């Protein structure tokens, strides 16, 4: 099914903010975004309002929209919430294994593992999407309607969606191993095991991103031209 023009505009803006194409403080001109996305200005305007609700842009009357900067603290807060909520979600799922789509989850694991060796941009995009689908599917098995509504919002944050670009292959291999162990714990109906692995998985992911941030700061200090870009 073809995506709506608003969805296309939102994706272009979201990815541009996460990748740094639209850095904090930059102004988003509706006509420029519309041209880049191949849509009219109306869906761009709608996408900007959605991004404002998510805290990624600020729309100023008679001036337009400006990208809001995100900090390491913002990412810490997101991952702290994920640790609490997703840990609870898999513990709930372990109590009702009949709700877990084991076949679908295993298929996602297998596809990610097959895509990783020699993965380029298209494969990394697919891996990122599969990782998000994996976590959403796990939390759906909790049968907690409030949790099911909240988790996709957290995972839709562009800095979460784009995080896989900043992980090494070793980081991703470790993440995939965590995925498999979570499924093993769920098969055993062991909620404490599943919750513990999920918490370790998310903490490890945040730690690898923190290392990337430190390397980026060191690189910027050593390259004044890059730091001022």
Protein backbone atom coordinates (compact mmCIF):
# COMPACT_ATOMS: atom_id res chain seq x y z
CA UNK A 1 0.00 0.00 0.00
CA UNK A 2 1.35 3.41 -0.98
CA UNK A 3 2.31 5.66 1.90
CA UNK A 4 0.41 8.90 2.39
CA UNK A 5 2.07 12.18 1.48
CA UNK A 6 2.07 13.15 5.15
CA UNK A 7 3.88 9.91 6.07
CA UNK A 8 6.48 10.55 3.37
CA UNK A 9 7.05 14.13 4.55
CA UNK A 10 7.28 12.98 8.17
CA UNK A 11 9.84 10.31 7.30
CA UNK A 12 12.00 12.75 5.34
CA UNK A 13 11.97 15.25 8.19
CA UNK A 14 12.47 12.66 10.91
CA UNK A 15 15.39 11.03 9.15
CA UNK A 16 16.94 14.39 8.32
CA UNK A 17 16.83 15.47 11.95
CA UNK A 18 18.27 12.18 13.20
CA UNK A 19 21.07 12.10 10.62
CA UNK A 20 22.11 15.71 11.22
CA UNK A 21 21.04 16.90 7.79
CA UNK A 22 18.76 19.29 9.70
CA UNK A 23 20.90 20.15 12.74
CA UNK A 24 19.56 21.79 15.92
CA UNK A 25 18.77 25.44 15.34
CA UNK A 26 18.19 25.08 11.61
CA UNK A 27 15.02 26.43 10.06
CA UNK A 28 12.79 24.08 8.09
CA UNK A 29 11.35 25.77 5.02
CA UNK A 30 8.14 24.08 3.94
CA UNK A 31 8.88 24.54 0.25
CA UNK A 32 12.36 23.00 0.56
CA UNK A 33 11.11 19.97 2.49
CA UNK A 34 8.21 19.56 0.06
CA UNK A 35 10.64 19.50 -2.86
CA UNK A 36 12.91 16.99 -1.12
CA UNK A 37 9.99 14.72 -0.25
CA UNK A 38 8.17 15.13 -3.57
CA UNK A 39 4.95 16.25 -1.91
CA UNK A 40 2.97 19.46 -1.54
CA UNK A 41 3.39 21.90 1.37
CA UNK A 42 0.20 20.79 3.16
CA UNK A 43 1.49 17.34 4.23
CA UNK A 44 4.80 18.95 5.21
CA UNK A 45 2.91 21.34 7.48
CA UNK A 46 1.03 18.41 9.03
CA UNK A 47 4.29 16.50 9.54
CA UNK A 48 5.86 19.52 11.25
CA UNK A 49 2.98 19.72 13.71
CA UNK A 50 3.46 16.02 14.53
CA UNK A 51 7.18 16.57 15.06
CA UNK A 52 6.41 19.53 17.32
CA UNK A 53 4.20 17.27 19.44
CA UNK A 54 7.15 14.86 19.70
CA UNK A 55 9.44 17.67 20.83
CA UNK A 56 11.69 17.61 17.76
CA UNK A 57 10.76 20.96 16.26
CA UNK A 58 9.29 24.21 17.50
CA UNK A 59 6.84 26.12 15.32
CA UNK A 60 7.07 29.86 15.86
CA UNK A 61 4.23 32.07 14.70
CA UNK A 62 5.05 34.06 11.56
CA UNK A 63 8.57 32.62 11.53
CA UNK A 64 8.31 28.94 10.70
CA UNK A 65 9.71 25.76 12.25
CA UNK A 66 13.12 25.32 13.87
CA UNK A 67 14.81 22.05 14.83
CA UNK A 68 15.09 21.54 18.58
CA UNK A 69 18.37 20.10 19.82
CA UNK A 70 18.45 16.78 21.65
CA UNK A 71 21.01 16.02 24.32
CA UNK A 72 22.61 12.90 25.77
CA UNK A 73 20.25 13.38 28.73
CA UNK A 74 17.27 13.08 26.38
CA UNK A 75 18.57 9.74 25.12
CA UNK A 76 19.24 8.61 28.69
CA UNK A 77 15.65 9.43 29.58
CA UNK A 78 14.30 7.50 26.59
CA UNK A 79 16.38 4.43 27.37
CA UNK A 80 15.48 4.59 31.07
CA UNK A 81 11.82 4.49 30.09
CA UNK A 82 12.42 1.64 27.68
CA UNK A 83 14.23 -0.38 30.37
CA UNK A 84 11.31 0.03 32.76
CA UNK A 85 8.48 -0.46 30.28
CA UNK A 86 9.91 -3.13 28.01
CA UNK A 87 11.27 -5.10 30.94
CA UNK A 88 7.77 -5.11 32.39
CA UNK A 89 6.33 -5.99 28.98
CA UNK A 90 8.34 -9.18 28.48
CA UNK A 91 7.70 -10.23 32.08
CA UNK A 92 3.98 -9.93 31.36
CA UNK A 93 4.39 -11.79 28.08
CA UNK A 94 6.12 -14.69 29.85
CA UNK A 95 2.99 -15.16 31.95
CA UNK A 96 0.88 -15.71 28.82
CA UNK A 97 3.11 -17.45 26.27
CA UNK A 98 0.12 -18.19 24.05
CA UNK A 99 0.12 -14.49 23.11
CA UNK A 100 3.73 -14.57 21.87
CA UNK A 101 4.22 -14.84 18.11
CA UNK A 102 7.28 -17.08 18.37
CA UNK A 103 7.34 -17.97 14.66
CA UNK A 104 7.20 -14.33 13.59
CA UNK A 105 9.80 -13.24 16.13
CA UNK A 106 12.20 -16.03 15.16
CA UNK A 107 11.79 -15.12 11.51
CA UNK A 108 12.77 -11.51 12.32
CA UNK A 109 15.83 -12.75 14.22
CA UNK A 110 16.91 -14.94 11.33
CA UNK A 111 16.49 -12.18 8.75
CA UNK A 112 18.51 -9.71 10.84
CA UNK A 113 21.29 -12.24 11.32
CA UNK A 114 21.43 -13.01 7.60
CA UNK A 115 21.47 -9.32 6.63
CA UNK A 116 24.28 -8.27 8.94
CA UNK A 117 27.44 -9.67 7.26
CA UNK A 118 28.61 -7.03 4.79
CA UNK A 119 25.52 -4.91 5.44
CA UNK A 120 25.40 -1.59 3.55
CA UNK A 121 22.86 1.23 3.89
CA UNK A 122 19.80 -0.64 2.53
CA UNK A 123 20.49 -3.63 4.76
CA UNK A 124 21.05 -1.41 7.81
CA UNK A 125 17.75 0.33 7.14
CA UNK A 126 16.03 -3.04 7.01
CA UNK A 127 17.77 -4.23 10.18
CA UNK A 128 16.65 -1.07 11.98
CA UNK A 129 13.07 -1.62 10.94
CA UNK A 130 13.18 -5.26 11.99
CA UNK A 131 14.63 -4.37 15.41
CA UNK A 132 11.75 -2.00 16.04
CA UNK A 133 9.20 -4.55 14.79
CA UNK A 134 10.75 -7.15 17.10
CA UNK A 135 10.35 -4.95 20.18
CA UNK A 136 6.84 -3.82 19.23
CA UNK A 137 5.75 -7.42 18.67
CA UNK A 138 7.19 -8.50 22.03
CA UNK A 139 5.28 -5.79 23.86
CA UNK A 140 2.06 -6.58 22.03
CA UNK A 141 2.24 -10.01 23.65
CA UNK A 142 1.90 -8.33 27.07
CA UNK A 143 -1.78 -7.63 26.29
CA UNK A 144 -1.42 -4.35 28.19
CA UNK A 145 -3.22 -1.82 26.02
CA UNK A 146 -1.57 1.21 27.58
CA UNK A 147 1.90 -0.26 27.12
CA UNK A 148 1.10 -1.24 23.53
CA UNK A 149 0.12 2.37 22.83
CA UNK A 150 3.20 3.90 24.48
CA UNK A 151 6.04 1.73 23.14
CA UNK A 152 5.68 2.59 19.42
CA UNK A 153 5.91 6.29 20.32
CA UNK A 154 9.20 5.74 22.15
CA UNK A 155 10.58 3.59 19.35
CA UNK A 156 9.47 6.09 16.68
CA UNK A 157 11.86 8.71 18.06
CA UNK A 158 14.34 9.28 15.22
CA UNK A 159 17.32 8.99 17.55
CA UNK A 160 16.15 5.48 18.42
CA UNK A 161 15.31 4.59 14.82
CA UNK A 162 18.68 5.76 13.54
CA UNK A 163 20.72 4.32 16.42
CA UNK A 164 21.59 1.15 14.54
CA UNK A 165 23.73 3.25 12.16
CA UNK A 166 26.04 4.02 15.08
CA UNK A 167 26.43 0.48 16.37
CA UNK A 168 29.36 -1.68 15.30
CA UNK A 169 28.77 -5.12 13.82
CA UNK A 170 29.87 -6.53 17.17
CA UNK A 171 27.23 -4.41 18.94
CA UNK A 172 24.55 -5.69 16.59
CA UNK A 173 25.65 -9.31 16.93
CA UNK A 174 25.38 -8.94 20.70
CA UNK A 175 21.93 -7.36 20.35
CA UNK A 176 20.78 -10.26 18.17
CA UNK A 177 22.04 -12.72 20.79
CA UNK A 178 19.98 -10.86 23.40
CA UNK A 179 16.93 -11.18 21.14
CA UNK A 180 17.39 -14.95 20.94
CA UNK A 181 17.83 -15.26 24.71
CA UNK A 182 14.68 -13.24 25.37
CA UNK A 183 12.73 -15.68 23.21
CA UNK A 184 14.33 -18.61 25.05
CA UNK A 185 13.25 -17.13 28.38
CA UNK A 186 9.72 -16.59 27.09
CA UNK A 187 9.53 -20.17 25.86
CA UNK A 188 10.41 -21.29 29.38
CA UNK A 189 7.80 -18.94 30.82
CA UNK A 190 10.47 -17.32 33.00
CA UNK A 191 9.46 -13.69 33.38
CA UNK A 192 12.37 -12.70 35.61
CA UNK A 193 14.87 -14.12 33.12
CA UNK A 194 13.15 -12.38 30.19
CA UNK A 195 13.03 -9.07 32.05
CA UNK A 196 16.68 -9.29 33.08
CA UNK A 197 17.85 -9.97 29.54
CA UNK A 198 15.73 -7.15 28.14
CA UNK A 199 17.14 -4.69 30.66
CA UNK A 200 20.71 -5.81 29.88
CA UNK A 201 20.00 -5.58 26.14
CA UNK A 202 18.78 -1.99 26.35
CA UNK A 203 21.51 -0.89 28.76
CA UNK A 204 24.15 -2.35 26.44
CA UNK A 205 22.63 -0.51 23.50
CA UNK A 206 22.70 2.81 25.33
CA UNK A 207 26.29 2.22 26.44
CA UNK A 208 27.47 1.65 22.86
CA UNK A 209 25.76 4.87 21.76
CA UNK A 210 27.40 6.73 24.63
CA UNK A 211 30.80 5.48 23.45
CA UNK A 212 29.96 6.71 19.94
CA UNK A 213 29.04 10.13 21.33
CA UNK A 214 32.36 10.34 23.17
CA UNK A 215 34.28 9.41 20.02
CA UNK A 216 32.33 12.05 18.07
CA UNK A 217 33.21 14.74 20.61
CA UNK A 218 36.88 13.73 20.50
CA UNK A 219 36.83 13.82 16.70
CA UNK A 220 35.24 17.28 16.67
CA UNK A 221 37.85 18.66 19.07
CA UNK A 222 40.62 17.33 16.85
CA UNK A 223 39.02 18.76 13.71
CA UNK A 224 37.99 22.42 14.30
CA UNK A 225 36.53 22.68 10.80
CA UNK A 226 34.26 19.76 11.43
CA UNK A 227 33.21 21.04 14.83
CA UNK A 228 32.04 24.32 13.34
CA UNK A 229 30.12 22.72 10.47
